[in-house]
Amino acid sequence: MDQLKILFDECDVVRFTTFKQDSKSAQESVKRCEEIIDYFERTIKS
């Protein structure tokens, strides 16, 4: 759940500020999102 909060915080920063996310940070956010989705898919199926 900590990873989900981090992802939401990153999204808020990009959405509500003039902050430009570099390519590496964007890729890390996508990777974190994929891991969170994978976690929930495995948890819900159990």
PDB file of N, CA and C in Angstrom:
ATOM      1  N   MET A   1       0.819  -1.209   0.000  1.00  0.00           N
ATOM      2  CA  MET A   1       0.000   0.000   0.000  1.00  0.00           C
ATOM      3  C   MET A   1       0.854   1.262   0.000  1.00  0.00           C
ATOM      4  N   ASP A   2       2.066   1.146   0.529  1.00  0.00           N
ATOM      5  CA  ASP A   2       2.967   2.298   0.503  1.00  0.00           C
ATOM      6  C   ASP A   2       3.278   2.693  -0.932  1.00  0.00           C
ATOM      7  N   GLN A   3       3.465   1.693  -1.797  1.00  0.00           N
ATOM      8  CA  GLN A   3       3.767   1.965  -3.200  1.00  0.00           C
ATOM      9  C   GLN A   3       2.598   2.680  -3.888  1.00  0.00           C
ATOM     10  N   LEU A   4       1.380   2.332  -3.510  1.00  0.00           N
ATOM     11  CA  LEU A   4       0.203   2.977  -4.089  1.00  0.00           C
ATOM     12  C   LEU A   4       0.157   4.447  -3.689  1.00  0.00           C
ATOM     13  N   LYS A   5       0.442   4.734  -2.439  1.00  0.00           N
ATOM     14  CA  LYS A   5       0.463   6.127  -1.975  1.00  0.00           C
ATOM     15  C   LYS A   5       1.551   6.922  -2.696  1.00  0.00           C
ATOM     16  N   ILE A   6       2.717   6.314  -2.863  1.00  0.00           N
ATOM     17  CA  ILE A   6       3.798   6.985  -3.580  1.00  0.00           C
ATOM     18  C   ILE A   6       3.362   7.305  -5.016  1.00  0.00           C
ATOM     19  N   LEU A   7       2.725   6.350  -5.663  1.00  0.00           N
ATOM     20  CA  LEU A   7       2.261   6.558  -7.033  1.00  0.00           C
ATOM     21  C   LEU A   7       1.231   7.687  -7.097  1.00  0.00           C
ATOM     22  N   PHE A   8       0.274   7.700  -6.184  1.00  0.00           N
ATOM     23  CA  PHE A   8      -0.724   8.775  -6.160  1.00  0.00           C
ATOM     24  C   PHE A   8      -0.063  10.123  -5.911  1.00  0.00           C
ATOM     25  N   ASP A   9       0.915  10.164  -5.024  1.00  0.00           N
ATOM     26  CA  ASP A   9       1.634  11.414  -4.756  1.00  0.00           C
ATOM     27  C   ASP A   9       2.353  11.903  -6.014  1.00  0.00           C
ATOM     28  N   GLU A  10       3.002  10.986  -6.727  1.00  0.00           N
ATOM     29  CA  GLU A  10       3.683  11.359  -7.974  1.00  0.00           C
ATOM     30  C   GLU A  10       2.689  11.912  -8.991  1.00  0.00           C
ATOM     31  N   CYS A  11       1.547  11.267  -9.100  1.00  0.00           N
ATOM     32  CA  CYS A  11       0.519  11.722 -10.048  1.00  0.00           C
ATOM     33  C   CYS A  11       0.024  13.120  -9.681  1.00  0.00           C
ATOM     34  N   ASP A  12      -0.179  13.361  -8.401  1.00  0.00           N
ATOM     35  CA  ASP A  12      -0.630  14.682  -7.960  1.00  0.00           C
ATOM     36  C   ASP A  12       0.397  15.759  -8.287  1.00  0.00           C
ATOM     37  N   VAL A  13       1.664  15.451  -8.080  1.00  0.00           N
ATOM     38  CA  VAL A  13       2.714  16.429  -8.363  1.00  0.00           C
ATOM     39  C   VAL A  13       2.697  16.791  -9.836  1.00  0.00           C
ATOM     40  N   VAL A  14       2.627  15.799 -10.687  1.00  0.00           N
ATOM     41  CA  VAL A  14       2.641  16.054 -12.131  1.00  0.00           C
ATOM     42  C   VAL A  14       1.363  16.755 -12.570  1.00  0.00           C
ATOM     43  N   ARG A  15       0.261  16.389 -11.970  1.00  0.00           N
ATOM     44  CA  ARG A  15      -1.037  16.943 -12.387  1.00  0.00           C
ATOM     45  C   ARG A  15      -1.243  18.384 -11.927  1.00  0.00           C
ATOM     46  N   PHE A  16      -0.832  18.693 -10.688  1.00  0.00           N
ATOM     47  CA  PHE A  16      -1.191  19.984 -10.100  1.00  0.00           C
ATOM     48  C   PHE A  16      -0.049  20.991 -10.023  1.00  0.00           C
ATOM     49  N   THR A  17       1.092  20.691 -10.604  1.00  0.00           N
ATOM     50  CA  THR A  17       2.193  21.651 -10.610  1.00  0.00           C
ATOM     51  C   THR A  17       2.741  21.764 -12.027  1.00  0.00           C
ATOM     52  N   THR A  18       3.700  22.645 -12.183  1.00  0.00           N
ATOM     53  CA  THR A  18       4.329  22.800 -13.489  1.00  0.00           C
ATOM     54  C   THR A  18       5.541  21.879 -13.613  1.00  0.00           C
ATOM     55  N   PHE A  19       5.686  20.964 -12.676  1.00  0.00           N
ATOM     56  CA  PHE A  19       6.805  20.025 -12.661  1.00  0.00           C
ATOM     57  C   PHE A  19       6.767  19.163 -13.916  1.00  0.00           C
ATOM     58  N   LYS A  20       7.894  19.079 -14.586  1.00  0.00           N
ATOM     59  CA  LYS A  20       8.017  18.212 -15.756  1.00  0.00           C
ATOM     60  C   LYS A  20       8.761  16.948 -15.338  1.00  0.00           C
ATOM     61  N   GLN A  21       8.121  15.816 -15.496  1.00  0.00           N
ATOM     62  CA  GLN A  21       8.723  14.545 -15.115  1.00  0.00           C
ATOM     63  C   GLN A  21       9.646  14.081 -16.240  1.00  0.00           C
ATOM     64  N   ASP A  22      10.886  13.754 -15.882  1.00  0.00           N
ATOM     65  CA  ASP A  22      11.799  13.281 -16.916  1.00  0.00           C
ATOM     66  C   ASP A  22      11.444  11.852 -17.320  1.00  0.00           C
ATOM     67  N   SER A  23      12.033  11.411 -18.393  1.00  0.00           N
ATOM     68  CA  SER A  23      11.725  10.103 -18.972  1.00  0.00           C
ATOM     69  C   SER A  23      11.977   8.966 -17.991  1.00  0.00           C
ATOM     70  N   LYS A  24      13.079   9.028 -17.268  1.00  0.00           N
ATOM     71  CA  LYS A  24      13.409   7.966 -16.312  1.00  0.00           C
ATOM     72  C   LYS A  24      12.379   7.900 -15.188  1.00  0.00           C
ATOM     73  N   SER A  25      11.985   9.046 -14.657  1.00  0.00           N
ATOM     74  CA  SER A  25      10.974   9.073 -13.592  1.00  0.00           C
ATOM     75  C   SER A  25       9.630   8.566 -14.095  1.00  0.00           C
ATOM     76  N   ALA A  26       9.293   8.923 -15.312  1.00  0.00           N
ATOM     77  CA  ALA A  26       8.027   8.458 -15.893  1.00  0.00           C
ATOM     78  C   ALA A  26       8.047   6.940 -16.041  1.00  0.00           C
ATOM     79  N   GLN A  27       9.173   6.394 -16.486  1.00  0.00           N
ATOM     80  CA  GLN A  27       9.291   4.938 -16.632  1.00  0.00           C
ATOM     81  C   GLN A  27       9.196   4.245 -15.273  1.00  0.00           C
ATOM     82  N   GLU A  28       9.782   4.852 -14.245  1.00  0.00           N
ATOM     83  CA  GLU A  28       9.699   4.274 -12.900  1.00  0.00           C
ATOM     84  C   GLU A  28       8.258   4.295 -12.394  1.00  0.00           C
ATOM     85  N   SER A  29       7.536   5.361 -12.690  1.00  0.00           N
ATOM     86  CA  SER A  29       6.127   5.445 -12.292  1.00  0.00           C
ATOM     87  C   SER A  29       5.301   4.375 -12.989  1.00  0.00           C
ATOM     88  N   VAL A  30       5.551   4.173 -14.268  1.00  0.00           N
ATOM     89  CA  VAL A  30       4.835   3.139 -15.018  1.00  0.00           C
ATOM     90  C   VAL A  30       5.146   1.764 -14.439  1.00  0.00           C
ATOM     91  N   LYS A  31       6.407   1.516 -14.145  1.00  0.00           N
ATOM     92  CA  LYS A  31       6.812   0.230 -13.557  1.00  0.00           C
ATOM     93  C   LYS A  31       6.127   0.021 -12.208  1.00  0.00           C
ATOM     94  N   ARG A  32       6.101   1.062 -11.374  1.00  0.00           N
ATOM     95  CA  ARG A  32       5.441   0.972 -10.073  1.00  0.00           C
ATOM     96  C   ARG A  32       3.950   0.668 -10.254  1.00  0.00           C
ATOM     97  N   CYS A  33       3.332   1.303 -11.226  1.00  0.00           N
ATOM     98  CA  CYS A  33       1.916   1.074 -11.508  1.00  0.00           C
ATOM     99  C   CYS A  33       1.673  -0.369 -11.942  1.00  0.00           C
ATOM    100  N   GLU A  34       2.537  -0.880 -12.806  1.00  0.00           N
ATOM    101  CA  GLU A  34       2.404  -2.270 -13.256  1.00  0.00           C
ATOM    102  C   GLU A  34       2.533  -3.239 -12.080  1.00  0.00           C
ATOM    103  N   GLU A  35       3.461  -2.955 -11.183  1.00  0.00           N
ATOM    104  CA  GLU A  35       3.649  -3.824 -10.017  1.00  0.00           C
ATOM    105  C   GLU A  35       2.435  -3.792  -9.091  1.00  0.00           C
ATOM    106  N   ILE A  36       1.859  -2.618  -8.929  1.00  0.00           N
ATOM    107  CA  ILE A  36       0.669  -2.479  -8.078  1.00  0.00           C
ATOM    108  C   ILE A  36      -0.504  -3.236  -8.696  1.00  0.00           C
ATOM    109  N   ILE A  37      -0.697  -3.081  -9.995  1.00  0.00           N
ATOM    110  CA  ILE A  37      -1.786  -3.791 -10.681  1.00  0.00           C
ATOM    111  C   ILE A  37      -1.584  -5.295 -10.561  1.00  0.00           C
ATOM    112  N   ASP A  38      -0.360  -5.748 -10.780  1.00  0.00           N
ATOM    113  CA  ASP A  38      -0.046  -7.169 -10.653  1.00  0.00           C
ATOM    114  C   ASP A  38      -0.356  -7.678  -9.249  1.00  0.00           C
ATOM    115  N   TYR A  39       0.032  -6.905  -8.246  1.00  0.00           N
ATOM    116  CA  TYR A  39      -0.241  -7.284  -6.855  1.00  0.00           C
ATOM    117  C   TYR A  39      -1.744  -7.442  -6.619  1.00  0.00           C
ATOM    118  N   PHE A  40      -2.527  -6.459  -7.053  1.00  0.00           N
ATOM    119  CA  PHE A  40      -3.966  -6.535  -6.839  1.00  0.00           C
ATOM    120  C   PHE A  40      -4.609  -7.682  -7.616  1.00  0.00           C
ATOM    121  N   GLU A  41      -4.131  -7.921  -8.825  1.00  0.00           N
ATOM    122  CA  GLU A  41      -4.659  -9.045  -9.606  1.00  0.00           C
ATOM    123  C   GLU A  41      -4.403 -10.370  -8.887  1.00  0.00           C
ATOM    124  N   ARG A  42      -3.213 -10.550  -8.362  1.00  0.00           N
ATOM    125  CA  ARG A  42      -2.884 -11.791  -7.656  1.00  0.00           C
ATOM    126  C   ARG A  42      -3.661 -11.912  -6.357  1.00  0.00           C
ATOM    127  N   THR A  43      -3.838 -10.800  -5.672  1.00  0.00           N
ATOM    128  CA  THR A  43      -4.535 -10.800  -4.372  1.00  0.00           C
ATOM    129  C   THR A  43      -6.020 -11.070  -4.544  1.00  0.00           C
ATOM    130  N   ILE A  44      -6.622 -10.462  -5.531  1.00  0.00           N
ATOM    131  CA  ILE A  44      -8.074 -10.613  -5.752  1.00  0.00           C
ATOM    132  C   ILE A  44      -8.402 -12.025  -6.200  1.00  0.00           C
ATOM    133  N   LYS A  45      -7.534 -12.633  -6.998  1.00  0.00           N
ATOM    134  CA  LYS A  45      -7.780 -13.984  -7.494  1.00  0.00           C
ATOM    135  C   LYS A  45      -7.645 -15.032  -6.404  1.00  0.00           C
ATOM    136  N   SER A  46      -6.951 -14.698  -5.343  1.00  0.00           N
ATOM    137  CA  SER A  46      -6.726 -15.687  -4.264  1.00  0.00           C
ATOM    138  C   SER A  46      -7.945 -15.890  -3.409  1.00  0.00           C
TER     139      SER A  46
END
